[in-house]
Protein backbone atom coordinates (compact mmCIF):
# COMPACT_ATOMS: atom_id res chain seq x y z
CA MET A 1 23.23 23.71 -3.59
CA THR A 2 19.65 24.36 -4.75
CA ARG A 3 17.02 21.86 -5.71
CA ARG A 4 14.06 22.13 -8.06
CA PRO A 5 10.72 21.82 -6.23
CA GLY A 6 9.55 18.21 -6.24
CA ALA A 7 12.94 16.91 -7.48
CA PRO A 8 14.26 13.73 -5.81
CA MET A 9 16.54 14.27 -2.80
CA LEU A 10 19.14 11.69 -1.88
CA GLY A 11 20.36 11.51 1.68
CA LEU A 12 24.03 11.98 2.56
CA ALA A 13 24.58 8.24 2.65
CA SER A 14 22.92 7.78 -0.73
CA ALA A 15 24.97 10.60 -2.25
CA ALA A 16 28.17 9.04 -0.93
CA VAL A 17 27.22 5.67 -2.43
CA LEU A 18 26.48 7.35 -5.76
CA ALA A 19 29.79 9.18 -5.85
CA SER A 20 31.69 6.04 -4.87
CA ALA A 21 29.90 3.96 -7.50
CA VAL A 22 30.69 6.48 -10.24
CA VAL A 23 34.38 6.50 -9.27
CA LEU A 24 34.55 2.70 -9.20
CA ALA A 25 32.73 2.43 -12.55
CA SER A 26 35.11 4.91 -14.17
CA ALA A 27 38.11 3.01 -12.76
CA ALA A 28 36.75 -0.23 -14.15
CA VAL A 29 36.35 1.28 -17.59
CA LEU A 30 39.94 2.62 -17.55
CA ALA A 31 41.27 -0.77 -16.49
CA SER A 32 39.40 -2.44 -19.36
CA ALA A 33 40.91 0.07 -21.80
CA ALA A 34 44.42 -0.80 -20.64
CA VAL A 35 43.87 -4.55 -21.09
CA VAL A 36 42.02 -4.35 -24.41
CA ALA A 37 44.10 -1.70 -26.14
CA ALA A 38 43.27 -3.01 -29.61
CA ARG A 39 39.85 -1.26 -29.69
CA PRO A 40 38.70 2.05 -28.26
CA VAL A 41 36.73 1.96 -25.01
CA PRO A 42 34.67 5.02 -24.03
CA VAL A 43 35.64 6.60 -20.71
CA GLY A 44 33.80 9.01 -18.47
CA ARG A 45 30.41 7.39 -19.05
CA PHE A 46 27.63 8.45 -16.70
CA VAL A 47 26.60 5.47 -14.56
CA GLU A 48 23.11 5.74 -13.13
CA ILE A 49 22.55 4.05 -9.78
CA PRO A 50 18.93 2.84 -9.51
CA TYR A 51 16.92 4.26 -6.63
CA GLY A 52 13.31 4.05 -5.57
CA VAL A 53 11.17 1.17 -4.35
CA SER A 54 11.84 -1.94 -6.43
CA PRO A 55 8.96 -2.96 -8.72
CA ARG A 56 9.93 -6.57 -8.03
CA HIS A 57 8.30 -6.42 -4.59
CA PRO A 58 4.94 -8.22 -4.87
CA TRP A 59 3.21 -6.10 -2.20
CA PRO A 60 5.47 -3.32 -0.89
CA THR A 61 2.96 -1.12 0.96
CA GLY A 62 -0.55 -0.80 2.29
CA LEU A 63 -3.07 -1.88 -0.39
CA GLY A 64 -0.24 -3.02 -2.63
CA ASP A 65 0.94 0.07 -4.50
CA ASP A 66 1.25 3.84 -4.28
CA ARG A 67 -2.16 4.28 -5.92
CA ARG A 68 -3.73 2.17 -3.13
CA SER A 69 -5.47 0.12 -5.80
CA ALA A 70 -5.48 -3.18 -3.80
CA ARG A 71 -4.76 -5.06 -7.01
CA SER A 72 -2.30 -7.92 -7.26
CA ARG A 73 -0.48 -8.57 -10.52
CA PHE A 74 -0.90 -12.32 -9.94
CA GLU A 75 -3.91 -14.61 -10.42
CA ALA A 76 -5.68 -16.28 -7.53
CA PRO A 77 -6.07 -20.07 -7.72
CA ALA A 78 -9.26 -21.30 -9.38
CA VAL A 79 -9.61 -24.10 -6.80
CA ALA A 80 -9.42 -23.95 -3.04
CA PRO A 81 -5.91 -23.53 -1.63
CA THR A 82 -4.46 -25.41 1.35
CA ARG A 83 -2.92 -23.88 4.45
CA ALA A 84 0.87 -24.21 4.31
CA TRP A 85 1.69 -22.63 7.68
CA GLU A 86 0.51 -20.32 10.44
CA THR A 87 2.93 -18.22 12.48
CA ARG A 88 2.41 -16.07 15.55
CA VAL A 89 3.66 -12.57 14.75
CA GLY A 90 2.18 -10.51 17.60
CA VAL A 91 -0.88 -10.08 19.72
CA GLY A 92 -4.39 -8.98 18.85
CA ARG A 93 -4.92 -7.34 15.49
CA VAL A 94 -2.40 -8.09 12.72
CA PHE A 95 -2.19 -5.95 9.57
CA ALA A 96 -1.64 -7.25 6.05
CA PRO A 97 2.04 -7.94 5.41
CA ALA A 98 4.36 -6.03 3.08
CA VAL A 99 6.01 -8.67 0.89
CA ALA A 100 9.53 -8.12 -0.49
CA ALA A 101 11.03 -9.53 -3.70
CA ASP A 102 12.83 -12.29 -1.78
CA GLY A 103 9.57 -13.48 -0.22
CA SER A 104 10.25 -12.10 3.26
CA MET A 105 7.44 -10.19 4.92
CA TYR A 106 7.26 -7.18 7.24
CA VAL A 107 4.20 -7.64 9.46
CA GLY A 108 2.73 -4.97 11.76
CA SER A 109 0.54 -5.74 14.77
CA GLN A 110 -0.50 -4.41 18.15
CA ALA A 111 2.89 -5.55 19.42
CA GLY A 112 5.20 -3.98 16.81
CA VAL A 113 6.88 -5.20 13.62
CA THR A 114 8.00 -8.74 12.79
CA LEU A 115 10.07 -9.97 9.84
CA VAL A 116 8.84 -13.36 8.62
CA ALA A 117 10.74 -15.64 6.20
CA PRO A 118 9.00 -17.25 3.19
CA ASP A 119 8.71 -20.55 5.14
CA GLY A 120 6.89 -18.85 8.02
CA SER A 121 9.81 -18.71 10.46
CA VAL A 122 10.35 -15.49 12.40
CA ARG A 123 13.67 -13.77 11.62
CA TRP A 124 13.21 -11.00 14.17
CA ALA A 125 10.51 -9.24 16.16
CA LEU A 126 10.70 -5.61 17.27
CA ARG A 127 8.34 -4.90 20.13
CA MET A 128 7.33 -1.24 20.02
CA GLY A 129 3.58 -1.25 20.56
CA LEU A 130 0.71 -0.73 18.15
CA VAL A 131 1.71 0.39 14.66
CA SER A 132 -0.45 2.27 12.18
CA GLY A 133 -0.92 -0.41 9.52
CA THR A 134 0.95 -2.34 6.85
CA PRO A 135 4.66 -1.39 6.83
CA ALA A 136 5.93 0.23 3.65
CA ILE A 137 9.19 -1.02 2.11
CA THR A 138 11.81 1.72 1.49
CA PRO A 139 14.43 1.91 -1.26
CA GLU A 140 17.00 0.52 1.18
CA GLY A 141 14.84 -2.53 1.87
CA PHE A 142 13.83 -1.38 5.35
CA ALA A 143 10.22 -0.75 6.44
CA ALA A 144 8.49 2.50 7.38
CA VAL A 145 5.53 2.47 9.73
CA GLY A 146 3.60 4.79 11.99
CA GLY A 147 4.15 4.25 15.70
CA GLN A 148 3.01 5.68 18.99
CA PRO A 149 3.03 8.41 20.10
CA GLY A 150 2.75 10.20 16.75
CA GLU A 151 5.96 9.01 15.08
CA ILE A 152 7.18 7.63 11.77
CA ARG A 153 9.70 4.87 12.32
CA VAL A 154 11.98 3.16 9.81
CA VAL A 155 12.96 -0.33 10.98
CA GLY A 156 15.31 -3.01 9.74
CA GLY A 157 17.54 -5.70 11.16
CA GLY A 158 15.46 -5.85 14.33
CA ARG A 159 16.02 -2.21 15.34
CA ILE A 160 14.72 1.28 14.73
CA ARG A 161 16.99 2.98 12.22
CA GLN A 162 15.21 6.32 11.81
CA ARG A 163 12.37 8.14 13.51
CA ALA A 164 10.54 11.42 13.03
CA SER A 165 7.95 13.10 15.18
CA VAL A 166 4.53 13.88 13.68
CA GLY A 167 1.86 16.15 15.14
CA GLY A 168 -0.60 13.28 15.56
CA GLY A 169 -1.06 9.56 15.08
CA VAL A 170 -0.27 8.32 11.56
CA ARG A 171 -3.13 7.00 9.41
CA GLY A 172 -2.37 3.66 7.85
CA SER A 173 0.69 2.87 5.74
CA PRO A 174 3.21 5.62 4.82
CA LEU A 175 3.55 6.51 1.16
CA VAL A 176 7.19 6.00 0.08
CA LEU A 177 8.38 8.15 -2.83
CA GLY A 178 11.21 7.29 -5.18
CA ASP A 179 13.76 9.43 -3.35
CA GLY A 180 13.09 7.60 -0.08
CA SER A 181 10.99 10.38 1.41
CA LEU A 182 7.84 9.49 3.31
CA VAL A 183 4.38 11.01 3.06
CA VAL A 184 1.79 10.43 5.78
CA ALA A 185 -1.60 11.74 6.74
CA ALA A 186 -2.13 12.10 10.45
CA TYR A 187 -4.83 12.69 13.06
CA ASP A 188 -3.65 16.29 13.43
CA GLN A 189 -5.63 16.92 10.19
CA ALA A 190 -2.50 17.46 8.15
CA LEU A 191 -0.44 15.92 5.34
CA HIS A 192 3.27 15.54 6.07
CA ARG A 193 6.39 14.74 4.07
CA TYR A 194 9.79 13.83 5.53
CA ASP A 195 13.03 13.19 3.68
CA ALA A 196 15.01 9.95 3.98
CA GLU A 197 16.89 11.32 7.02
CA GLY A 198 13.71 12.18 8.88
CA ARG A 199 13.71 15.95 8.26
CA ARG A 200 10.33 17.54 7.70
CA LEU A 201 9.81 18.87 4.18
CA PHE A 202 6.27 20.21 4.65
CA ARG A 203 3.14 20.09 6.77
CA THR A 204 -0.08 20.92 4.92
CA SER A 205 -3.25 21.49 6.99
CA LEU A 206 -6.41 19.75 5.81
CA ALA A 207 -10.00 20.83 6.30
CA GLY A 208 -11.29 17.82 8.18
CA ALA A 209 -10.40 14.46 9.66
CA VAL A 210 -8.32 12.24 7.40
CA ARG A 211 -9.81 9.06 5.99
CA GLY A 212 -7.69 6.39 4.35
CA MET A 213 -4.03 6.75 3.39
CA PRO A 214 -2.31 9.25 1.08
CA ALA A 215 -2.05 7.98 -2.49
CA ARG A 216 -0.19 8.94 -5.64
CA SER A 217 -1.84 10.20 -8.83
CA ARG A 218 0.98 10.67 -11.33
CA ASP A 219 2.82 13.83 -10.13
CA ARG A 220 0.27 14.59 -7.41
CA LEU A 221 -0.43 13.42 -3.89
CA VAL A 222 -4.07 12.55 -3.11
CA VAL A 223 -5.73 12.55 0.30
CA ALA A 224 -9.29 12.42 1.56
CA ALA A 225 -10.21 14.69 4.48
CA GLY A 226 -13.71 15.26 5.78
CA GLU A 227 -15.92 15.72 2.74
CA GLU A 228 -13.10 16.68 0.39
CA VAL A 229 -10.66 14.98 -1.99
CA LEU A 230 -7.46 17.02 -2.33
CA PHE A 231 -4.70 16.86 -4.94
CA ALA A 232 -1.40 18.36 -3.78
CA THR A 233 1.99 18.87 -5.39
CA LEU A 234 4.99 16.92 -4.12
CA ASP A 235 5.91 20.13 -2.25
CA GLY A 236 2.65 20.07 -0.32
CA VAL A 237 0.78 22.81 -2.16
CA VAL A 238 -2.91 21.97 -2.57
CA ALA A 239 -3.55 22.31 -6.33
CA GLU A 240 -7.15 21.07 -6.57
CA ARG A 241 -9.91 20.07 -4.19
CA ALA A 242 -13.40 18.65 -4.63
CA ALA A 243 -16.27 18.44 -2.17
CA VAL A 244 -18.28 15.19 -2.47
CA GLY A 245 -21.19 16.19 -0.23
CA ALA A 246 -20.72 13.83 2.71
CA GLU A 247 -18.02 12.43 5.01
CA ILE A 248 -15.69 10.11 3.09
CA ALA A 249 -15.61 6.53 4.39
CA LEU A 250 -13.32 4.68 1.96
CA GLY A 251 -10.53 5.77 -0.37
CA PRO A 252 -8.87 7.37 -2.10
CA ALA A 253 -8.03 4.62 -4.55
CA VAL A 254 -6.47 5.96 -7.74
CA ALA A 255 -7.29 4.50 -11.17
CA ALA A 256 -4.81 4.19 -14.03
CA ASP A 257 -6.15 7.43 -15.57
CA GLY A 258 -5.34 9.36 -12.40
CA ALA A 259 -8.92 9.71 -11.07
CA ALA A 260 -9.37 9.22 -7.32
CA TRP A 261 -12.31 7.05 -6.21
CA VAL A 262 -13.97 7.53 -2.81
CA LEU A 263 -17.10 6.15 -1.11
CA THR A 264 -19.00 8.31 1.39
CA VAL A 265 -20.63 7.18 4.63
CA GLU A 266 -24.00 7.61 2.88
CA GLY A 267 -23.00 5.15 0.14
CA THR A 268 -22.27 7.62 -2.65
CA LEU A 269 -19.43 6.59 -4.96
CA CYS A 270 -17.42 9.42 -6.59
CA ALA A 271 -14.56 9.60 -9.05
CA VAL A 272 -12.63 12.88 -8.80
CA GLU A 273 -10.40 13.96 -11.68
CA PRO A 274 -6.95 15.51 -11.01
CA ASP A 275 -8.38 18.88 -12.08
CA GLY A 276 -10.88 18.72 -9.20
CA SER A 277 -13.96 17.90 -11.28
CA VAL A 278 -16.24 15.08 -10.17
CA ARG A 279 -16.59 12.67 -13.12
CA VAL A 280 -18.79 10.09 -11.43
CA ARG A 281 -21.34 10.45 -8.63
CA ASN A 282 -23.51 7.40 -8.01
CA GLU A 283 -25.70 6.86 -4.96
CA LEU A 284 -25.29 3.13 -4.42
CA GLY A 285 -27.44 2.98 -1.30
CA VAL A 286 -25.08 0.71 0.64
CA ARG A 287 -23.50 0.90 4.07
CA PRO A 288 -19.70 0.97 3.69
CA ALA A 289 -17.62 -1.39 5.80
CA LEU A 290 -15.37 1.16 7.53
CA SER A 291 -12.55 -1.36 8.02
CA SER A 292 -12.52 -2.18 4.33
CA ASN A 293 -11.14 -0.50 1.20
CA LEU A 294 -11.81 0.09 -2.49
CA ALA A 295 -10.08 -2.22 -4.98
CA ILE A 296 -9.58 -1.36 -8.66
CA ALA A 297 -9.40 -4.17 -11.24
CA ARG A 298 -7.32 -4.02 -14.42
CA ASP A 299 -10.39 -3.04 -16.49
CA GLY A 300 -11.05 -0.07 -14.18
CA SER A 301 -13.99 -1.65 -12.37
CA LEU A 302 -14.17 -1.47 -8.57
CA ARG A 303 -14.83 -3.88 -5.71
CA MET A 304 -15.94 -2.78 -2.24
CA ALA A 305 -17.14 -4.48 0.92
CA THR A 306 -20.38 -3.43 2.56
CA GLY A 307 -22.03 -4.10 5.88
CA ASP A 308 -25.39 -4.84 4.28
CA ALA A 309 -24.85 -6.02 0.70
CA GLY A 310 -21.75 -8.22 0.88
CA VAL A 311 -19.28 -7.52 -1.92
CA LEU A 312 -20.32 -4.96 -4.54
CA ALA A 313 -18.76 -4.51 -7.99
CA VAL A 314 -19.07 -1.26 -9.96
CA GLY A 315 -17.94 -0.63 -13.53
CA ALA A 316 -15.42 2.02 -14.55
CA ALA A 317 -18.29 4.39 -15.45
CA GLY A 318 -19.76 4.01 -11.92
CA SER A 319 -22.73 1.73 -12.70
CA GLU A 320 -23.36 -1.34 -10.54
CA ARG A 321 -22.32 -4.68 -12.06
CA TRP A 322 -23.11 -7.24 -9.38
CA ARG A 323 -23.56 -7.92 -5.69
CA HIS A 324 -22.47 -11.05 -3.84
CA GLU A 325 -24.67 -11.36 -0.75
CA ALA A 326 -24.58 -15.13 -0.24
CA ASP A 327 -21.84 -14.98 2.40
CA GLY A 328 -23.42 -12.13 4.35
CA PRO A 329 -22.00 -8.75 5.33
CA ILE A 330 -18.27 -8.09 4.87
CA ILE A 331 -16.40 -5.95 7.37
CA GLY A 332 -12.80 -6.30 6.23
CA GLY A 333 -10.49 -5.48 3.37
CA LEU A 334 -10.46 -7.08 -0.04
CA THR A 335 -8.06 -7.63 -2.93
CA VAL A 336 -8.64 -8.03 -6.66
CA ASP A 337 -6.33 -10.16 -8.81
CA GLU A 338 -5.06 -9.76 -12.37
CA ALA A 339 -8.06 -11.65 -13.76
CA GLY A 340 -10.69 -9.66 -11.86
CA ARG A 341 -11.24 -12.23 -9.09
CA THR A 342 -11.90 -10.92 -5.59
CA LEU A 343 -10.38 -12.25 -2.37
CA VAL A 344 -11.90 -11.38 1.03
CA VAL A 345 -12.42 -12.89 4.52
CA THR A 346 -16.01 -13.07 5.72
CA VAL A 347 -17.27 -12.31 9.24
CA ARG A 348 -17.31 -16.09 9.81
CA GLY A 349 -13.59 -16.28 9.16
CA GLU A 350 -13.85 -17.86 5.72
CA LEU A 351 -11.40 -16.82 3.01
CA ILE A 352 -13.41 -16.74 -0.21
CA ALA A 353 -12.69 -16.11 -3.88
CA LEU A 354 -15.28 -14.61 -6.25
CA ASP A 355 -14.87 -14.73 -10.02
CA GLU A 356 -15.12 -11.65 -12.25
CA ASP A 357 -18.93 -12.02 -12.32
CA GLY A 358 -19.32 -12.32 -8.55
CA GLN A 359 -19.82 -16.10 -8.40
CA LYS A 360 -18.12 -17.91 -5.55
CA LEU A 361 -15.21 -20.07 -6.71
CA TRP A 362 -14.21 -21.51 -3.37
CA GLY A 363 -14.01 -20.88 0.37
CA VAL A 364 -11.68 -22.13 3.13
CA GLY A 365 -12.00 -21.65 6.88
CA THR A 366 -9.20 -19.64 8.48
CA GLY A 367 -10.40 -20.32 12.02
CA SER A 368 -10.04 -16.67 12.93
CA ARG A 369 -11.50 -13.26 12.24
CA SER A 370 -9.64 -10.79 10.00
CA ASP A 371 -10.28 -7.31 8.64
CA ALA A 372 -7.02 -7.15 6.63
CA PRO A 373 -7.12 -7.52 2.84
CA PRO A 374 -5.67 -10.89 1.76
CA VAL A 375 -2.26 -10.44 0.12
CA LEU A 376 -1.83 -12.41 -3.11
CA THR A 377 1.62 -13.24 -4.47
CA GLU A 378 2.76 -15.71 -7.10
CA ASP A 379 3.20 -18.45 -4.52
CA ALA A 380 0.65 -17.84 -1.79
CA ILE A 381 -2.26 -15.94 -0.26
CA TYR A 382 -1.42 -14.40 3.10
CA VAL A 383 -4.11 -13.76 5.71
CA ALA A 384 -3.45 -11.64 8.83
CA THR A 385 -5.76 -12.47 11.75
CA PHE A 386 -7.11 -10.94 14.94
CA GLY A 387 -5.56 -13.89 16.76
CA GLY A 388 -2.06 -12.49 16.35
CA THR A 389 -1.07 -14.78 13.51
CA LEU A 390 -0.16 -14.73 9.82
CA GLN A 391 -1.36 -17.61 7.62
CA ALA A 392 -0.04 -18.76 4.23
CA TRP A 393 -2.37 -20.51 1.80
CA THR A 394 -0.88 -22.19 -1.28
CA ARG A 395 -2.17 -23.87 -4.40
CA PRO A 396 -2.92 -27.56 -3.87
CA SER A 397 -0.39 -30.02 -5.22
CA PRO A 398 -1.25 -31.49 -8.67
């Protein structure tokens, strides 16, 4: 059987489920026709079985979505939240959790992967050493993560269900495509894609060290390597590339129009179009926080953390809007909500919220350092700490 390039590929188990579901659906239709013989009932209907990562997951992967936009579809509270619980999930550094539709959370740390229930209780913990970042939820509801030495691992139910060897350590959170295949960028200076059964589909060499995680721009994969932003087909063929003039520090984060934003180590912000042209180049004159990220608000404006200017906001055209320097330098990740508010943890361990104009709404002490972007859902803000814990902050009671 042949397959069009880039077309979704279902594994053997998924194909069997599809075939079984179609047979059962057809049988059900025939049974209904026998019972209700007074009116015609169509038979042989095509029944489509949904596949892909459910859009109901509030935060299914690193930086929230396949564009790595770091934007939540929920609104942060306008007043200071209260801490509902704190749970130990590992040792040392903890990455931002991946949050599923049922409220359960896959959390990666220096110890492995832990599944945490909505009330903060630990359902299971899989000790497998340092992982690469936030786990990414797969269509089956499992979690994919990079592990040592140079592997992709799919975990669920407290055990490793699938693994594939990569030529180098995985960068950040895997990108999960609709067919269950996984795309990762690795320290071997290459972009990789594996199918749902762990078979390699391609390995594409990159001209430089990878920064950030692979992202999705419509029907293209986007990755930053060295001084270049590259757009590749789903088959791994590099279609366009753009040099930005300096080593890339943050990004790519992909806007709704498909443009990929990156920030260089010299503080130059660039927006690269899918055709390889550079639409925006603005020398902001800031020092990027290398443990941070770019976040894209609904209006297309950006937020970024800097080591010398606090939080910086830039409009969709690339011009600076505001800086929030009152809370000092920011070293960690940040998140923007549906209303344009920004959530970040300061170097003093304070979780703060800034409004759409950069004014501080509130701040609460977490008691620990964190470089993970806060994860905002409908019910809570989750903060992963360097103390090996995950905290949940909820809206105060009326």
